[in-house]
Amino acid sequence: MTRYYEILKAPIITEETNRLMESQNKYTFKVDKKANKVDIKKAVEAIFKVKVLSVNTINMRRKFKRMGKYEGYRPAYKKAIVEIAEGQRIDAFTV
């Protein structure tokens, strides 16, 4: 069971992800870079007790950022967009 919590790192809550939650019942997570779609599906179903219909993954590249005279990179990460069954919802995303 603890392995599931290592796969899902954090929810991603932005205006775009809120729009996806309301209109298409899709939730977005920051996940482990080594996790595949099957692992992500099992983790979401086990942790939140919902039925997952599909999983889409995206490898986000690192971004160059500058703050005054300091410059560097924001880290790269993997993002998963999970569609769950109609009528179900994940309460962790409500703010």
PDB file of N, CA and C in Angstrom:
ATOM      1  N   MET A   1       0.819  -1.200   0.000  1.00  0.00           N
ATOM      2  CA  MET A   1       0.000   0.000   0.000  1.00  0.00           C
ATOM      3  C   MET A   1       0.858   1.257   0.000  1.00  0.00           C
ATOM      4  N   THR A   2       1.992   1.245   0.663  1.00  0.00           N
ATOM      5  CA  THR A   2       2.823   2.448   0.714  1.00  0.00           C
ATOM      6  C   THR A   2       3.405   2.770  -0.652  1.00  0.00           C
ATOM      7  N   ARG A   3       3.521   1.779  -1.511  1.00  0.00           N
ATOM      8  CA  ARG A   3       4.057   2.026  -2.847  1.00  0.00           C
ATOM      9  C   ARG A   3       3.141   2.952  -3.639  1.00  0.00           C
ATOM     10  N   TYR A   4       1.833   2.857  -3.417  1.00  0.00           N
ATOM     11  CA  TYR A   4       0.890   3.720  -4.124  1.00  0.00           C
ATOM     12  C   TYR A   4       1.115   5.186  -3.782  1.00  0.00           C
ATOM     13  N   TYR A   5       1.456   5.450  -2.529  1.00  0.00           N
ATOM     14  CA  TYR A   5       1.702   6.833  -2.118  1.00  0.00           C
ATOM     15  C   TYR A   5       3.028   7.354  -2.660  1.00  0.00           C
ATOM     16  N   GLU A   6       3.927   6.462  -3.051  1.00  0.00           N
ATOM     17  CA  GLU A   6       5.175   6.886  -3.687  1.00  0.00           C
ATOM     18  C   GLU A   6       4.958   7.223  -5.159  1.00  0.00           C
ATOM     19  N   ILE A   7       3.960   6.631  -5.787  1.00  0.00           N
ATOM     20  CA  ILE A   7       3.667   6.896  -7.195  1.00  0.00           C
ATOM     21  C   ILE A   7       3.008   8.259  -7.352  1.00  0.00           C
ATOM     22  N   LEU A   8       1.954   8.529  -6.573  1.00  0.00           N
ATOM     23  CA  LEU A   8       1.259   9.815  -6.639  1.00  0.00           C
ATOM     24  C   LEU A   8       1.943  10.782  -5.687  1.00  0.00           C
ATOM     25  N   LYS A   9       2.575  11.810  -6.236  1.00  0.00           N
ATOM     26  CA  LYS A   9       3.308  12.750  -5.396  1.00  0.00           C
ATOM     27  C   LYS A   9       2.433  13.894  -4.899  1.00  0.00           C
ATOM     28  N   ALA A  10       1.665  14.533  -5.792  1.00  0.00           N
ATOM     29  CA  ALA A  10       0.849  15.683  -5.386  1.00  0.00           C
ATOM     30  C   ALA A  10      -0.217  15.953  -6.441  1.00  0.00           C
ATOM     31  N   PRO A  11      -1.347  16.523  -6.016  1.00  0.00           N
ATOM     32  CA  PRO A  11      -2.323  16.967  -7.012  1.00  0.00           C
ATOM     33  C   PRO A  11      -1.859  18.278  -7.635  1.00  0.00           C
ATOM     34  N   ILE A  12      -2.242  18.500  -8.872  1.00  0.00           N
ATOM     35  CA  ILE A  12      -1.942  19.764  -9.551  1.00  0.00           C
ATOM     36  C   ILE A  12      -3.259  20.522  -9.660  1.00  0.00           C
ATOM     37  N   ILE A  13      -3.317  21.687  -9.010  1.00  0.00           N
ATOM     38  CA  ILE A  13      -4.544  22.471  -8.993  1.00  0.00           C
ATOM     39  C   ILE A  13      -4.277  23.827  -9.634  1.00  0.00           C
ATOM     40  N   THR A  14      -4.794  24.009 -10.847  1.00  0.00           N
ATOM     41  CA  THR A  14      -4.691  25.271 -11.569  1.00  0.00           C
ATOM     42  C   THR A  14      -6.064  25.583 -12.161  1.00  0.00           C
ATOM     43  N   GLU A  15      -6.185  26.712 -12.835  1.00  0.00           N
ATOM     44  CA  GLU A  15      -7.458  27.041 -13.478  1.00  0.00           C
ATOM     45  C   GLU A  15      -7.818  26.019 -14.551  1.00  0.00           C
ATOM     46  N   GLU A  16      -6.821  25.591 -15.308  1.00  0.00           N
ATOM     47  CA  GLU A  16      -7.079  24.610 -16.366  1.00  0.00           C
ATOM     48  C   GLU A  16      -7.522  23.265 -15.790  1.00  0.00           C
ATOM     49  N   THR A  17      -6.867  22.811 -14.722  1.00  0.00           N
ATOM     50  CA  THR A  17      -7.246  21.526 -14.137  1.00  0.00           C
ATOM     51  C   THR A  17      -8.614  21.608 -13.468  1.00  0.00           C
ATOM     52  N   ASN A  18      -8.965  22.764 -12.901  1.00  0.00           N
ATOM     53  CA  ASN A  18     -10.317  22.927 -12.342  1.00  0.00           C
ATOM     54  C   ASN A  18     -11.371  22.841 -13.430  1.00  0.00           C
ATOM     55  N   ARG A  19     -11.080  23.404 -14.595  1.00  0.00           N
ATOM     56  CA  ARG A  19     -12.013  23.329 -15.723  1.00  0.00           C
ATOM     57  C   ARG A  19     -12.172  21.880 -16.189  1.00  0.00           C
ATOM     58  N   LEU A  20     -11.076  21.130 -16.223  1.00  0.00           N
ATOM     59  CA  LEU A  20     -11.150  19.710 -16.599  1.00  0.00           C
ATOM     60  C   LEU A  20     -11.953  18.896 -15.580  1.00  0.00           C
ATOM     61  N   MET A  21     -11.787  19.210 -14.290  1.00  0.00           N
ATOM     62  CA  MET A  21     -12.534  18.491 -13.254  1.00  0.00           C
ATOM     63  C   MET A  21     -14.031  18.719 -13.404  1.00  0.00           C
ATOM     64  N   GLU A  22     -14.432  19.956 -13.647  1.00  0.00           N
ATOM     65  CA  GLU A  22     -15.854  20.277 -13.706  1.00  0.00           C
ATOM     66  C   GLU A  22     -16.518  19.767 -14.989  1.00  0.00           C
ATOM     67  N   SER A  23     -15.829  19.906 -16.125  1.00  0.00           N
ATOM     68  CA  SER A  23     -16.476  19.572 -17.391  1.00  0.00           C
ATOM     69  C   SER A  23     -16.305  18.114 -17.808  1.00  0.00           C
ATOM     70  N   GLN A  24     -15.117  17.534 -17.610  1.00  0.00           N
ATOM     71  CA  GLN A  24     -14.838  16.200 -18.143  1.00  0.00           C
ATOM     72  C   GLN A  24     -14.524  15.154 -17.082  1.00  0.00           C
ATOM     73  N   ASN A  25     -14.584  15.532 -15.796  1.00  0.00           N
ATOM     74  CA  ASN A  25     -14.308  14.611 -14.690  1.00  0.00           C
ATOM     75  C   ASN A  25     -12.898  14.027 -14.773  1.00  0.00           C
ATOM     76  N   LYS A  26     -11.909  14.883 -15.080  1.00  0.00           N
ATOM     77  CA  LYS A  26     -10.509  14.479 -15.160  1.00  0.00           C
ATOM     78  C   LYS A  26      -9.713  15.175 -14.067  1.00  0.00           C
ATOM     79  N   TYR A  27      -8.817  14.440 -13.430  1.00  0.00           N
ATOM     80  CA  TYR A  27      -8.005  14.956 -12.333  1.00  0.00           C
ATOM     81  C   TYR A  27      -6.531  14.844 -12.712  1.00  0.00           C
ATOM     82  N   THR A  28      -5.728  15.813 -12.259  1.00  0.00           N
ATOM     83  CA  THR A  28      -4.325  15.889 -12.651  1.00  0.00           C
ATOM     84  C   THR A  28      -3.433  15.697 -11.428  1.00  0.00           C
ATOM     85  N   PHE A  29      -2.412  14.855 -11.584  1.00  0.00           N
ATOM     86  CA  PHE A  29      -1.475  14.552 -10.502  1.00  0.00           C
ATOM     87  C   PHE A  29      -0.042  14.708 -10.989  1.00  0.00           C
ATOM     88  N   LYS A  30       0.847  15.077 -10.069  1.00  0.00           N
ATOM     89  CA  LYS A  30       2.274  14.985 -10.305  1.00  0.00           C
ATOM     90  C   LYS A  30       2.668  13.591  -9.826  1.00  0.00           C
ATOM     91  N   VAL A  31       3.311  12.803 -10.704  1.00  0.00           N
ATOM     92  CA  VAL A  31       3.598  11.404 -10.389  1.00  0.00           C
ATOM     93  C   VAL A  31       5.097  11.129 -10.506  1.00  0.00           C
ATOM     94  N   ASP A  32       5.491   9.945 -10.039  1.00  0.00           N
ATOM     95  CA  ASP A  32       6.879   9.505 -10.125  1.00  0.00           C
ATOM     96  C   ASP A  32       7.277   9.341 -11.585  1.00  0.00           C
ATOM     97  N   LYS A  33       8.499   9.737 -11.926  1.00  0.00           N
ATOM     98  CA  LYS A  33       8.945   9.687 -13.319  1.00  0.00           C
ATOM     99  C   LYS A  33       9.009   8.260 -13.863  1.00  0.00           C
ATOM    100  N   LYS A  34       9.172   7.263 -13.001  1.00  0.00           N
ATOM    101  CA  LYS A  34       9.290   5.874 -13.447  1.00  0.00           C
ATOM    102  C   LYS A  34       7.942   5.151 -13.520  1.00  0.00           C
ATOM    103  N   ALA A  35       6.870   5.789 -13.082  1.00  0.00           N
ATOM    104  CA  ALA A  35       5.555   5.144 -13.056  1.00  0.00           C
ATOM    105  C   ALA A  35       4.967   5.072 -14.458  1.00  0.00           C
ATOM    106  N   ASN A  36       4.290   3.953 -14.746  1.00  0.00           N
ATOM    107  CA  ASN A  36       3.598   3.837 -16.032  1.00  0.00           C
ATOM    108  C   ASN A  36       2.092   3.982 -15.809  1.00  0.00           C
ATOM    109  N   LYS A  37       1.310   3.925 -16.890  1.00  0.00           N
ATOM    110  CA  LYS A  37      -0.126   4.172 -16.807  1.00  0.00           C
ATOM    111  C   LYS A  37      -0.846   3.141 -15.943  1.00  0.00           C
ATOM    112  N   VAL A  38      -0.423   1.899 -16.015  1.00  0.00           N
ATOM    113  CA  VAL A  38      -1.068   0.847 -15.234  1.00  0.00           C
ATOM    114  C   VAL A  38      -0.829   1.074 -13.743  1.00  0.00           C
ATOM    115  N   ASP A  39       0.400   1.433 -13.365  1.00  0.00           N
ATOM    116  CA  ASP A  39       0.707   1.720 -11.966  1.00  0.00           C
ATOM    117  C   ASP A  39      -0.102   2.907 -11.456  1.00  0.00           C
ATOM    118  N   ILE A  40      -0.215   3.947 -12.269  1.00  0.00           N
ATOM    119  CA  ILE A  40      -0.956   5.144 -11.873  1.00  0.00           C
ATOM    120  C   ILE A  40      -2.434   4.809 -11.682  1.00  0.00           C
ATOM    121  N   LYS A  41      -2.992   4.017 -12.591  1.00  0.00           N
ATOM    122  CA  LYS A  41      -4.398   3.619 -12.482  1.00  0.00           C
ATOM    123  C   LYS A  41      -4.652   2.841 -11.193  1.00  0.00           C
ATOM    124  N   LYS A  42      -3.797   1.869 -10.893  1.00  0.00           N
ATOM    125  CA  LYS A  42      -3.954   1.077  -9.675  1.00  0.00           C
ATOM    126  C   LYS A  42      -3.826   1.944  -8.427  1.00  0.00           C
ATOM    127  N   ALA A  43      -2.900   2.900  -8.438  1.00  0.00           N
ATOM    128  CA  ALA A  43      -2.697   3.764  -7.279  1.00  0.00           C
ATOM    129  C   ALA A  43      -3.908   4.652  -7.023  1.00  0.00           C
ATOM    130  N   VAL A  44      -4.459   5.257  -8.072  1.00  0.00           N
ATOM    131  CA  VAL A  44      -5.620   6.141  -7.911  1.00  0.00           C
ATOM    132  C   VAL A  44      -6.827   5.335  -7.441  1.00  0.00           C
ATOM    133  N   GLU A  45      -7.042   4.166  -8.014  1.00  0.00           N
ATOM    134  CA  GLU A  45      -8.180   3.335  -7.602  1.00  0.00           C
ATOM    135  C   GLU A  45      -8.042   2.871  -6.155  1.00  0.00           C
ATOM    136  N   ALA A  46      -6.824   2.531  -5.729  1.00  0.00           N
ATOM    137  CA  ALA A  46      -6.626   2.043  -4.367  1.00  0.00           C
ATOM    138  C   ALA A  46      -6.724   3.160  -3.330  1.00  0.00           C
ATOM    139  N   ILE A  47      -6.157   4.318  -3.628  1.00  0.00           N
ATOM    140  CA  ILE A  47      -6.137   5.404  -2.644  1.00  0.00           C
ATOM    141  C   ILE A  47      -7.489   6.087  -2.524  1.00  0.00           C
ATOM    142  N   PHE A  48      -8.124   6.419  -3.655  1.00  0.00           N
ATOM    143  CA  PHE A  48      -9.341   7.223  -3.636  1.00  0.00           C
ATOM    144  C   PHE A  48     -10.625   6.417  -3.804  1.00  0.00           C
ATOM    145  N   LYS A  49     -10.531   5.101  -4.020  1.00  0.00           N
ATOM    146  CA  LYS A  49     -11.704   4.216  -4.152  1.00  0.00           C
ATOM    147  C   LYS A  49     -12.649   4.692  -5.257  1.00  0.00           C
ATOM    148  N   VAL A  50     -12.086   4.941  -6.450  1.00  0.00           N
ATOM    149  CA  VAL A  50     -12.876   5.349  -7.612  1.00  0.00           C
ATOM    150  C   VAL A  50     -12.548   4.422  -8.777  1.00  0.00           C
ATOM    151  N   LYS A  51     -13.372   4.443  -9.817  1.00  0.00           N
ATOM    152  CA  LYS A  51     -13.146   3.663 -11.034  1.00  0.00           C
ATOM    153  C   LYS A  51     -12.473   4.549 -12.066  1.00  0.00           C
ATOM    154  N   VAL A  52     -11.267   4.190 -12.500  1.00  0.00           N
ATOM    155  CA  VAL A  52     -10.502   4.972 -13.472  1.00  0.00           C
ATOM    156  C   VAL A  52     -10.818   4.456 -14.872  1.00  0.00           C
ATOM    157  N   LEU A  53     -11.186   5.382 -15.763  1.00  0.00           N
ATOM    158  CA  LEU A  53     -11.493   5.018 -17.147  1.00  0.00           C
ATOM    159  C   LEU A  53     -10.272   5.121 -18.047  1.00  0.00           C
ATOM    160  N   SER A  54      -9.473   6.180 -17.887  1.00  0.00           N
ATOM    161  CA  SER A  54      -8.282   6.330 -18.725  1.00  0.00           C
ATOM    162  C   SER A  54      -7.221   7.153 -17.994  1.00  0.00           C
ATOM    163  N   VAL A  55      -5.973   6.975 -18.438  1.00  0.00           N
ATOM    164  CA  VAL A  55      -4.840   7.706 -17.879  1.00  0.00           C
ATOM    165  C   VAL A  55      -3.994   8.225 -19.038  1.00  0.00           C
ATOM    166  N   ASN A  56      -3.715   9.520 -19.034  1.00  0.00           N
ATOM    167  CA  ASN A  56      -2.809  10.135 -20.000  1.00  0.00           C
ATOM    168  C   ASN A  56      -1.621  10.699 -19.226  1.00  0.00           C
ATOM    169  N   THR A  57      -0.395  10.464 -19.737  1.00  0.00           N
ATOM    170  CA  THR A  57       0.794  10.961 -19.055  1.00  0.00           C
ATOM    171  C   THR A  57       1.562  11.927 -19.947  1.00  0.00           C
ATOM    172  N   ILE A  58       2.233  12.875 -19.294  1.00  0.00           N
ATOM    173  CA  ILE A  58       3.017  13.892 -19.992  1.00  0.00           C
ATOM    174  C   ILE A  58       4.316  14.080 -19.228  1.00  0.00           C
ATOM    175  N   ASN A  59       5.442  14.035 -19.928  1.00  0.00           N
ATOM    176  CA  ASN A  59       6.724  14.368 -19.323  1.00  0.00           C
ATOM    177  C   ASN A  59       6.965  15.858 -19.501  1.00  0.00           C
ATOM    178  N   MET A  60       6.935  16.597 -18.396  1.00  0.00           N
ATOM    179  CA  MET A  60       7.134  18.041 -18.434  1.00  0.00           C
ATOM    180  C   MET A  60       8.634  18.321 -18.372  1.00  0.00           C
ATOM    181  N   ARG A  61       9.124  19.111 -19.310  1.00  0.00           N
ATOM    182  CA  ARG A  61      10.546  19.433 -19.364  1.00  0.00           C
ATOM    183  C   ARG A  61      10.884  20.493 -18.323  1.00  0.00           C
ATOM    184  N   ARG A  62      12.163  20.585 -17.986  1.00  0.00           N
ATOM    185  CA  ARG A  62      12.562  21.617 -17.035  1.00  0.00           C
ATOM    186  C   ARG A  62      12.512  22.974 -17.720  1.00  0.00           C
ATOM    187  N   LYS A  63      12.194  24.016 -16.943  1.00  0.00           N
ATOM    188  CA  LYS A  63      12.026  25.353 -17.502  1.00  0.00           C
ATOM    189  C   LYS A  63      13.081  26.287 -16.941  1.00  0.00           C
ATOM    190  N   PHE A  64      13.596  27.145 -17.804  1.00  0.00           N
ATOM    191  CA  PHE A  64      14.564  28.156 -17.394  1.00  0.00           C
ATOM    192  C   PHE A  64      13.821  29.321 -16.748  1.00  0.00           C
ATOM    193  N   LYS A  65      14.260  29.726 -15.574  1.00  0.00           N
ATOM    194  CA  LYS A  65      13.638  30.843 -14.868  1.00  0.00           C
ATOM    195  C   LYS A  65      14.720  31.803 -14.395  1.00  0.00           C
ATOM    196  N   ARG A  66      14.375  33.082 -14.400  1.00  0.00           N
ATOM    197  CA  ARG A  66      15.298  34.114 -13.926  1.00  0.00           C
ATOM    198  C   ARG A  66      14.573  34.954 -12.884  1.00  0.00           C
ATOM    199  N   MET A  67      15.253  35.234 -11.773  1.00  0.00           N
ATOM    200  CA  MET A  67      14.699  36.071 -10.710  1.00  0.00           C
ATOM    201  C   MET A  67      15.748  37.121 -10.381  1.00  0.00           C
ATOM    202  N   GLY A  68      15.619  38.286 -11.013  1.00  0.00           N
ATOM    203  CA  GLY A  68      16.636  39.322 -10.837  1.00  0.00           C
ATOM    204  C   GLY A  68      17.931  38.879 -11.475  1.00  0.00           C
ATOM    205  N   LYS A  69      18.991  38.900 -10.683  1.00  0.00           N
ATOM    206  CA  LYS A  69      20.288  38.479 -11.219  1.00  0.00           C
ATOM    207  C   LYS A  69      20.515  36.970 -11.105  1.00  0.00           C
ATOM    208  N   TYR A  70      19.613  36.260 -10.442  1.00  0.00           N
ATOM    209  CA  TYR A  70      19.745  34.826 -10.255  1.00  0.00           C
ATOM    210  C   TYR A  70      18.999  34.096 -11.359  1.00  0.00           C
ATOM    211  N   GLU A  71      19.598  33.036 -11.843  1.00  0.00           N
ATOM    212  CA  GLU A  71      18.948  32.247 -12.883  1.00  0.00           C
ATOM    213  C   GLU A  71      19.175  30.773 -12.625  1.00  0.00           C
ATOM    214  N   GLY A  72      18.258  29.981 -13.123  1.00  0.00           N
ATOM    215  CA  GLY A  72      18.370  28.540 -12.937  1.00  0.00           C
ATOM    216  C   GLY A  72      17.221  27.839 -13.638  1.00  0.00           C
ATOM    217  N   TYR A  73      17.008  26.594 -13.273  1.00  0.00           N
ATOM    218  CA  TYR A  73      15.975  25.775 -13.904  1.00  0.00           C
ATOM    219  C   TYR A  73      15.009  25.251 -12.856  1.00  0.00           C
ATOM    220  N   ARG A  74      13.720  25.229 -13.213  1.00  0.00           N
ATOM    221  CA  ARG A  74      12.735  24.520 -12.416  1.00  0.00           C
ATOM    222  C   ARG A  74      12.838  23.056 -12.794  1.00  0.00           C
ATOM    223  N   PRO A  75      12.630  22.141 -11.860  1.00  0.00           N
ATOM    224  CA  PRO A  75      12.849  20.727 -12.170  1.00  0.00           C
ATOM    225  C   PRO A  75      11.820  20.146 -13.137  1.00  0.00           C
ATOM    226  N   ALA A  76      12.232  19.115 -13.855  1.00  0.00           N
ATOM    227  CA  ALA A  76      11.333  18.366 -14.737  1.00  0.00           C
ATOM    228  C   ALA A  76      10.510  17.411 -13.879  1.00  0.00           C
ATOM    229  N   TYR A  77       9.305  17.067 -14.350  1.00  0.00           N
ATOM    230  CA  TYR A  77       8.449  16.133 -13.634  1.00  0.00           C
ATOM    231  C   TYR A  77       7.514  15.452 -14.621  1.00  0.00           C
ATOM    232  N   LYS A  78       6.800  14.443 -14.131  1.00  0.00           N
ATOM    233  CA  LYS A  78       5.833  13.720 -14.945  1.00  0.00           C
ATOM    234  C   LYS A  78       4.433  14.037 -14.424  1.00  0.00           C
ATOM    235  N   LYS A  79       3.516  14.300 -15.354  1.00  0.00           N
ATOM    236  CA  LYS A  79       2.154  14.675 -15.007  1.00  0.00           C
ATOM    237  C   LYS A  79       1.205  13.617 -15.563  1.00  0.00           C
ATOM    238  N   ALA A  80       0.188  13.266 -14.782  1.00  0.00           N
ATOM    239  CA  ALA A  80      -0.814  12.293 -15.211  1.00  0.00           C
ATOM    240  C   ALA A  80      -2.197  12.921 -15.133  1.00  0.00           C
ATOM    241  N   ILE A  81      -2.973  12.777 -16.213  1.00  0.00           N
ATOM    242  CA  ILE A  81      -4.356  13.228 -16.245  1.00  0.00           C
ATOM    243  C   ILE A  81      -5.231  11.982 -16.217  1.00  0.00           C
ATOM    244  N   VAL A  82      -6.015  11.844 -15.146  1.00  0.00           N
ATOM    245  CA  VAL A  82      -6.785  10.630 -14.886  1.00  0.00           C
ATOM    246  C   VAL A  82      -8.266  10.938 -15.037  1.00  0.00           C
ATOM    247  N   GLU A  83      -8.959  10.168 -15.894  1.00  0.00           N
ATOM    248  CA  GLU A  83     -10.407  10.312 -16.054  1.00  0.00           C
ATOM    249  C   GLU A  83     -11.092   9.246 -15.214  1.00  0.00           C
ATOM    250  N   ILE A  84     -12.039   9.677 -14.377  1.00  0.00           N
ATOM    251  CA  ILE A  84     -12.747   8.717 -13.531  1.00  0.00           C
ATOM    252  C   ILE A  84     -14.193   8.593 -13.994  1.00  0.00           C
ATOM    253  N   ALA A  85     -14.874   7.583 -13.485  1.00  0.00           N
ATOM    254  CA  ALA A  85     -16.228   7.260 -13.926  1.00  0.00           C
ATOM    255  C   ALA A  85     -17.205   8.379 -13.583  1.00  0.00           C
ATOM    256  N   GLU A  86     -18.270   8.449 -14.362  1.00  0.00           N
ATOM    257  CA  GLU A  86     -19.309   9.475 -14.173  1.00  0.00           C
ATOM    258  C   GLU A  86     -19.969   9.305 -12.813  1.00  0.00           C
ATOM    259  N   GLY A  87     -20.195  10.409 -12.125  1.00  0.00           N
ATOM    260  CA  GLY A  87     -20.847  10.376 -10.824  1.00  0.00           C
ATOM    261  C   GLY A  87     -19.896  10.232  -9.650  1.00  0.00           C
ATOM    262  N   GLN A  88     -18.641   9.920  -9.910  1.00  0.00           N
ATOM    263  CA  GLN A  88     -17.652   9.804  -8.835  1.00  0.00           C
ATOM    264  C   GLN A  88     -16.790  11.062  -8.820  1.00  0.00           C
ATOM    265  N   ARG A  89     -16.176  11.330  -7.657  1.00  0.00           N
ATOM    266  CA  ARG A  89     -15.282  12.468  -7.556  1.00  0.00           C
ATOM    267  C   ARG A  89     -14.234  12.211  -6.483  1.00  0.00           C
ATOM    268  N   ILE A  90     -13.165  12.980  -6.547  1.00  0.00           N
ATOM    269  CA  ILE A  90     -12.078  12.868  -5.579  1.00  0.00           C
ATOM    270  C   ILE A  90     -12.135  14.102  -4.686  1.00  0.00           C
ATOM    271  N   ASP A  91     -12.304  13.895  -3.391  1.00  0.00           N
ATOM    272  CA  ASP A  91     -12.483  15.010  -2.465  1.00  0.00           C
ATOM    273  C   ASP A  91     -11.185  15.738  -2.149  1.00  0.00           C
ATOM    274  N   ALA A  92     -10.033  15.168  -2.466  1.00  0.00           N
ATOM    275  CA  ALA A  92      -8.751  15.808  -2.173  1.00  0.00           C
ATOM    276  C   ALA A  92      -8.551  17.076  -2.994  1.00  0.00           C
ATOM    277  N   PHE A  93      -9.304  17.234  -4.083  1.00  0.00           N
ATOM    278  CA  PHE A  93      -9.128  18.379  -4.959  1.00  0.00           C
ATOM    279  C   PHE A  93     -10.001  19.568  -4.572  1.00  0.00           C
ATOM    280  N   THR A  94     -10.962  19.384  -3.705  1.00  0.00           N
ATOM    281  CA  THR A  94     -11.814  20.500  -3.323  1.00  0.00           C
ATOM    282  C   THR A  94     -11.057  21.431  -2.386  1.00  0.00           C
ATOM    283  N   VAL A  95     -11.102  22.717  -2.687  1.00  0.00           N
ATOM    284  CA  VAL A  95     -10.349  23.703  -1.893  1.00  0.00           C
ATOM    285  C   VAL A  95     -11.292  24.464  -1.007  1.00  0.00           C
TER     286      VAL A  95
END
